[in-house]
Amino acid sequence: MQILVDADACPVVGIVEKLARERKIPVILLCDTNHVLNSEYSEVRVIGAGADAVDFALVSLCRKGDIVVTQDYGVAAMALGKGAYGIHQSGKWYTQENIDLMLMERHLAKKARRASSKYHGKGPHKRQAADDIRFEEELRRLLDFAQKGE
């Protein structure tokens, strides 16, 4: 098992590394040339800039039983298809039971934005300490679940 992180602008890298270090699980942080990272624990892979280059590299590395941290539903769906586990930076697990609905909601929201030139979404809420606590709790649960091989 390894943890793969879609690390471009990912606010939970520190939490992932902390838990991975506790359990001696390798971590690979993938980012593009616009978000170069440094880490004392994780392997950092800088992927050439390009539409979805990091996403495709992550999915290519992903294997059954790995954990993927991403906010991209499409990446999560492909990882699930390879038998990996997925978690959003909010702490929500991606599962076979919820991924289709999430992809449909993303599609409908994109369609609505395209249909209305007046649409001005506010974007995601400002990250709070409670968000980090929730993510850490859920990642711990997911690690326990994955390590049992469930």
C-alpha atoms as a PDB file:
ATOM      1  CA  MET A   1       0.000   0.000   0.000  1.00  0.00           C
ATOM      2  CA  GLN A   2       1.060   3.534  -0.761  1.00  0.00           C
ATOM      3  CA  ILE A   3      -0.667   6.900  -0.559  1.00  0.00           C
ATOM      4  CA  LEU A   4      -0.840   8.973  -3.732  1.00  0.00           C
ATOM      5  CA  VAL A   5      -1.696  12.647  -3.361  1.00  0.00           C
ATOM      6  CA  ASP A   6      -2.947  14.948  -6.101  1.00  0.00           C
ATOM      7  CA  ALA A   7      -0.885  17.632  -4.387  1.00  0.00           C
ATOM      8  CA  ASP A   8      -1.529  20.704  -6.551  1.00  0.00           C
ATOM      9  CA  ALA A   9      -2.869  23.201  -3.995  1.00  0.00           C
ATOM     10  CA  CYS A  10      -3.755  20.353  -1.603  1.00  0.00           C
ATOM     11  CA  PRO A  11      -4.214  21.665   1.965  1.00  0.00           C
ATOM     12  CA  VAL A  12      -3.865  18.276   3.708  1.00  0.00           C
ATOM     13  CA  VAL A  13      -0.380  17.145   2.649  1.00  0.00           C
ATOM     14  CA  GLY A  14       0.998  17.642   6.168  1.00  0.00           C
ATOM     15  CA  ILE A  15      -1.745  15.515   7.706  1.00  0.00           C
ATOM     16  CA  VAL A  16      -1.234  12.758   5.123  1.00  0.00           C
ATOM     17  CA  GLU A  17       2.505  12.696   5.793  1.00  0.00           C
ATOM     18  CA  LYS A  18       2.020  12.659   9.575  1.00  0.00           C
ATOM     19  CA  LEU A  19      -0.291   9.624   9.477  1.00  0.00           C
ATOM     20  CA  ALA A  20       1.782   7.851   6.823  1.00  0.00           C
ATOM     21  CA  ARG A  21       4.947   8.327   8.866  1.00  0.00           C
ATOM     22  CA  GLU A  22       3.224   6.851  11.946  1.00  0.00           C
ATOM     23  CA  ARG A  23       2.352   3.721   9.947  1.00  0.00           C
ATOM     24  CA  LYS A  24       5.463   3.660   7.742  1.00  0.00           C
ATOM     25  CA  ILE A  25       3.420   3.937   4.549  1.00  0.00           C
ATOM     26  CA  PRO A  26       5.146   5.454   1.510  1.00  0.00           C
ATOM     27  CA  VAL A  27       3.655   8.644   0.068  1.00  0.00           C
ATOM     28  CA  ILE A  28       3.994  10.051  -3.428  1.00  0.00           C
ATOM     29  CA  LEU A  29       3.059  13.694  -3.937  1.00  0.00           C
ATOM     30  CA  LEU A  30       2.271  14.529  -7.539  1.00  0.00           C
ATOM     31  CA  CYS A  31       2.266  18.150  -8.685  1.00  0.00           C
ATOM     32  CA  ASP A  32       2.758  20.111 -11.864  1.00  0.00           C
ATOM     33  CA  THR A  33       5.547  22.559 -12.583  1.00  0.00           C
ATOM     34  CA  ASN A  34       3.435  25.428 -11.199  1.00  0.00           C
ATOM     35  CA  HIS A  35       3.201  23.872  -7.711  1.00  0.00           C
ATOM     36  CA  VAL A  36       6.639  22.436  -6.979  1.00  0.00           C
ATOM     37  CA  LEU A  37       6.774  20.927  -3.477  1.00  0.00           C
ATOM     38  CA  ASN A  38       9.488  19.770  -1.102  1.00  0.00           C
ATOM     39  CA  SER A  39       9.133  17.038   1.477  1.00  0.00           C
ATOM     40  CA  GLU A  40      11.379  15.320   3.991  1.00  0.00           C
ATOM     41  CA  TYR A  41       9.127  12.246   4.015  1.00  0.00           C
ATOM     42  CA  SER A  42       7.337  11.853   0.713  1.00  0.00           C
ATOM     43  CA  GLU A  43       8.593  11.210  -2.773  1.00  0.00           C
ATOM     44  CA  VAL A  44       7.730  14.264  -4.853  1.00  0.00           C
ATOM     45  CA  ARG A  45       7.056  13.807  -8.547  1.00  0.00           C
ATOM     46  CA  VAL A  46       6.835  16.936 -10.640  1.00  0.00           C
ATOM     47  CA  ILE A  47       4.805  16.271 -13.753  1.00  0.00           C
ATOM     48  CA  GLY A  48       5.067  18.518 -16.786  1.00  0.00           C
ATOM     49  CA  ALA A  49       2.407  21.180 -16.980  1.00  0.00           C
ATOM     50  CA  GLY A  50      -0.475  20.227 -19.180  1.00  0.00           C
ATOM     51  CA  ALA A  51      -4.181  19.654 -18.931  1.00  0.00           C
ATOM     52  CA  ASP A  52      -4.745  16.723 -16.568  1.00  0.00           C
ATOM     53  CA  ALA A  53      -1.091  15.583 -16.735  1.00  0.00           C
ATOM     54  CA  VAL A  54      -0.893  15.099 -12.961  1.00  0.00           C
ATOM     55  CA  ASP A  55      -4.247  13.294 -12.938  1.00  0.00           C
ATOM     56  CA  PHE A  56      -3.167  10.788 -15.586  1.00  0.00           C
ATOM     57  CA  ALA A  57       0.207  10.222 -13.896  1.00  0.00           C
ATOM     58  CA  LEU A  58      -1.502   9.541 -10.571  1.00  0.00           C
ATOM     59  CA  VAL A  59      -3.949   7.068 -12.068  1.00  0.00           C
ATOM     60  CA  SER A  60      -1.094   5.371 -13.907  1.00  0.00           C
ATOM     61  CA  LEU A  61       0.799   4.831 -10.620  1.00  0.00           C
ATOM     62  CA  CYS A  62      -2.273   3.741  -8.683  1.00  0.00           C
ATOM     63  CA  ARG A  63      -2.641   0.072  -7.757  1.00  0.00           C
ATOM     64  CA  LYS A  64      -5.201  -2.042  -5.951  1.00  0.00           C
ATOM     65  CA  GLY A  65      -5.176  -1.258  -2.230  1.00  0.00           C
ATOM     66  CA  ASP A  66      -3.510   2.152  -2.577  1.00  0.00           C
ATOM     67  CA  ILE A  67      -5.082   5.267  -1.103  1.00  0.00           C
ATOM     68  CA  VAL A  68      -5.620   8.264  -3.365  1.00  0.00           C
ATOM     69  CA  VAL A  69      -6.140  11.760  -1.944  1.00  0.00           C
ATOM     70  CA  THR A  70      -7.773  14.018  -4.520  1.00  0.00           C
ATOM     71  CA  GLN A  71     -10.538  16.546  -4.890  1.00  0.00           C
ATOM     72  CA  ASP A  72     -11.072  15.510  -8.516  1.00  0.00           C
ATOM     73  CA  TYR A  73     -14.058  13.162  -8.857  1.00  0.00           C
ATOM     74  CA  GLY A  74     -12.821  11.883 -12.209  1.00  0.00           C
ATOM     75  CA  VAL A  75      -9.458  10.859 -10.752  1.00  0.00           C
ATOM     76  CA  ALA A  76     -11.277   9.241  -7.825  1.00  0.00           C
ATOM     77  CA  ALA A  77     -13.509   7.263 -10.189  1.00  0.00           C
ATOM     78  CA  MET A  78     -10.519   5.943 -12.142  1.00  0.00           C
ATOM     79  CA  ALA A  79      -8.698   5.032  -8.910  1.00  0.00           C
ATOM     80  CA  LEU A  80     -11.755   3.172  -7.622  1.00  0.00           C
ATOM     81  CA  GLY A  81     -11.882   1.330 -10.938  1.00  0.00           C
ATOM     82  CA  LYS A  82      -8.350   0.058 -10.255  1.00  0.00           C
ATOM     83  CA  GLY A  83      -9.302  -1.181  -6.790  1.00  0.00           C
ATOM     84  CA  ALA A  84      -7.810   1.714  -4.840  1.00  0.00           C
ATOM     85  CA  TYR A  85      -9.435   3.672  -2.033  1.00  0.00           C
ATOM     86  CA  GLY A  86     -10.184   7.361  -2.415  1.00  0.00           C
ATOM     87  CA  ILE A  87     -10.640  10.277  -0.068  1.00  0.00           C
ATOM     88  CA  HIS A  88     -11.417  13.950  -0.679  1.00  0.00           C
ATOM     89  CA  GLN A  89      -9.550  16.645   1.255  1.00  0.00           C
ATOM     90  CA  SER A  90     -12.833  17.255   3.100  1.00  0.00           C
ATOM     91  CA  GLY A  91     -12.610  13.721   4.519  1.00  0.00           C
ATOM     92  CA  LYS A  92     -15.406  12.288   2.383  1.00  0.00           C
ATOM     93  CA  TRP A  93     -14.596   8.809   1.131  1.00  0.00           C
ATOM     94  CA  TYR A  94     -15.116   8.026  -2.532  1.00  0.00           C
ATOM     95  CA  THR A  95     -16.884   4.676  -2.897  1.00  0.00           C
ATOM     96  CA  GLN A  96     -18.492   2.606  -5.611  1.00  0.00           C
ATOM     97  CA  GLU A  97     -21.811   3.557  -4.016  1.00  0.00           C
ATOM     98  CA  ASN A  98     -21.368   7.352  -4.203  1.00  0.00           C
ATOM     99  CA  ILE A  99     -19.039   8.107  -7.123  1.00  0.00           C
ATOM    100  CA  ASP A 100     -21.665   7.972  -9.889  1.00  0.00           C
ATOM    101  CA  LEU A 101     -23.868  10.497  -8.089  1.00  0.00           C
ATOM    102  CA  MET A 102     -20.877  12.767  -7.448  1.00  0.00           C
ATOM    103  CA  LEU A 103     -19.895  12.669 -11.122  1.00  0.00           C
ATOM    104  CA  MET A 104     -23.484  13.420 -12.180  1.00  0.00           C
ATOM    105  CA  GLU A 105     -23.715  16.376  -9.784  1.00  0.00           C
ATOM    106  CA  ARG A 106     -20.405  17.727 -11.130  1.00  0.00           C
ATOM    107  CA  HIS A 107     -21.695  17.392 -14.687  1.00  0.00           C
ATOM    108  CA  LEU A 108     -24.978  19.163 -13.904  1.00  0.00           C
ATOM    109  CA  ALA A 109     -23.213  21.994 -12.084  1.00  0.00           C
ATOM    110  CA  LYS A 110     -20.861  22.498 -15.036  1.00  0.00           C
ATOM    111  CA  LYS A 111     -23.814  22.480 -17.405  1.00  0.00           C
ATOM    112  CA  ALA A 112     -25.604  25.107 -15.292  1.00  0.00           C
ATOM    113  CA  ARG A 113     -22.516  27.331 -15.241  1.00  0.00           C
ATOM    114  CA  ARG A 114     -22.229  27.147 -19.021  1.00  0.00           C
ATOM    115  CA  ALA A 115     -25.920  27.950 -19.512  1.00  0.00           C
ATOM    116  CA  SER A 116     -25.827  31.104 -17.412  1.00  0.00           C
ATOM    117  CA  SER A 117     -23.295  33.838 -18.026  1.00  0.00           C
ATOM    118  CA  LYS A 118     -24.554  35.416 -14.781  1.00  0.00           C
ATOM    119  CA  TYR A 119     -23.529  32.446 -12.647  1.00  0.00           C
ATOM    120  CA  HIS A 120     -20.908  33.515 -10.147  1.00  0.00           C
ATOM    121  CA  GLY A 121     -20.322  30.780  -7.643  1.00  0.00           C
ATOM    122  CA  LYS A 122     -18.699  31.757  -4.388  1.00  0.00           C
ATOM    123  CA  GLY A 123     -16.270  28.846  -4.526  1.00  0.00           C
ATOM    124  CA  PRO A 124     -15.330  26.639  -1.603  1.00  0.00           C
ATOM    125  CA  HIS A 125     -15.563  27.898   1.951  1.00  0.00           C
ATOM    126  CA  LYS A 126     -12.413  29.022   3.752  1.00  0.00           C
ATOM    127  CA  ARG A 127     -10.703  26.025   5.326  1.00  0.00           C
ATOM    128  CA  GLN A 128     -11.091  25.859   9.104  1.00  0.00           C
ATOM    129  CA  ALA A 129      -9.271  23.877  11.803  1.00  0.00           C
ATOM    130  CA  ALA A 130     -12.372  21.654  12.059  1.00  0.00           C
ATOM    131  CA  ASP A 131     -11.895  20.678   8.390  1.00  0.00           C
ATOM    132  CA  ASP A 132      -8.386  19.424   9.145  1.00  0.00           C
ATOM    133  CA  ILE A 133      -9.588  17.520  12.205  1.00  0.00           C
ATOM    134  CA  ARG A 134     -12.359  15.851  10.172  1.00  0.00           C
ATOM    135  CA  PHE A 135      -9.922  14.920   7.382  1.00  0.00           C
ATOM    136  CA  GLU A 136      -7.428  13.430   9.840  1.00  0.00           C
ATOM    137  CA  GLU A 137     -10.136  11.364  11.554  1.00  0.00           C
ATOM    138  CA  GLU A 138     -11.474  10.055   8.243  1.00  0.00           C
ATOM    139  CA  LEU A 139      -8.029   9.300   6.842  1.00  0.00           C
ATOM    140  CA  ARG A 140      -7.221   7.319  10.016  1.00  0.00           C
ATOM    141  CA  ARG A 141     -10.457   5.345   9.562  1.00  0.00           C
ATOM    142  CA  LEU A 142      -9.676   4.754   5.886  1.00  0.00           C
ATOM    143  CA  LEU A 143      -6.137   3.603   6.683  1.00  0.00           C
ATOM    144  CA  ASP A 144      -7.497   1.156   9.273  1.00  0.00           C
ATOM    145  CA  PHE A 145     -10.074  -0.091   6.767  1.00  0.00           C
ATOM    146  CA  ALA A 146      -7.522  -0.453   3.942  1.00  0.00           C
ATOM    147  CA  GLN A 147      -4.914  -2.157   6.113  1.00  0.00           C
ATOM    148  CA  LYS A 148      -7.478  -4.777   7.144  1.00  0.00           C
ATOM    149  CA  GLY A 149      -8.022  -5.400   3.439  1.00  0.00           C
ATOM    150  CA  GLU A 150     -11.765  -4.818   3.622  1.00  0.00           C
END
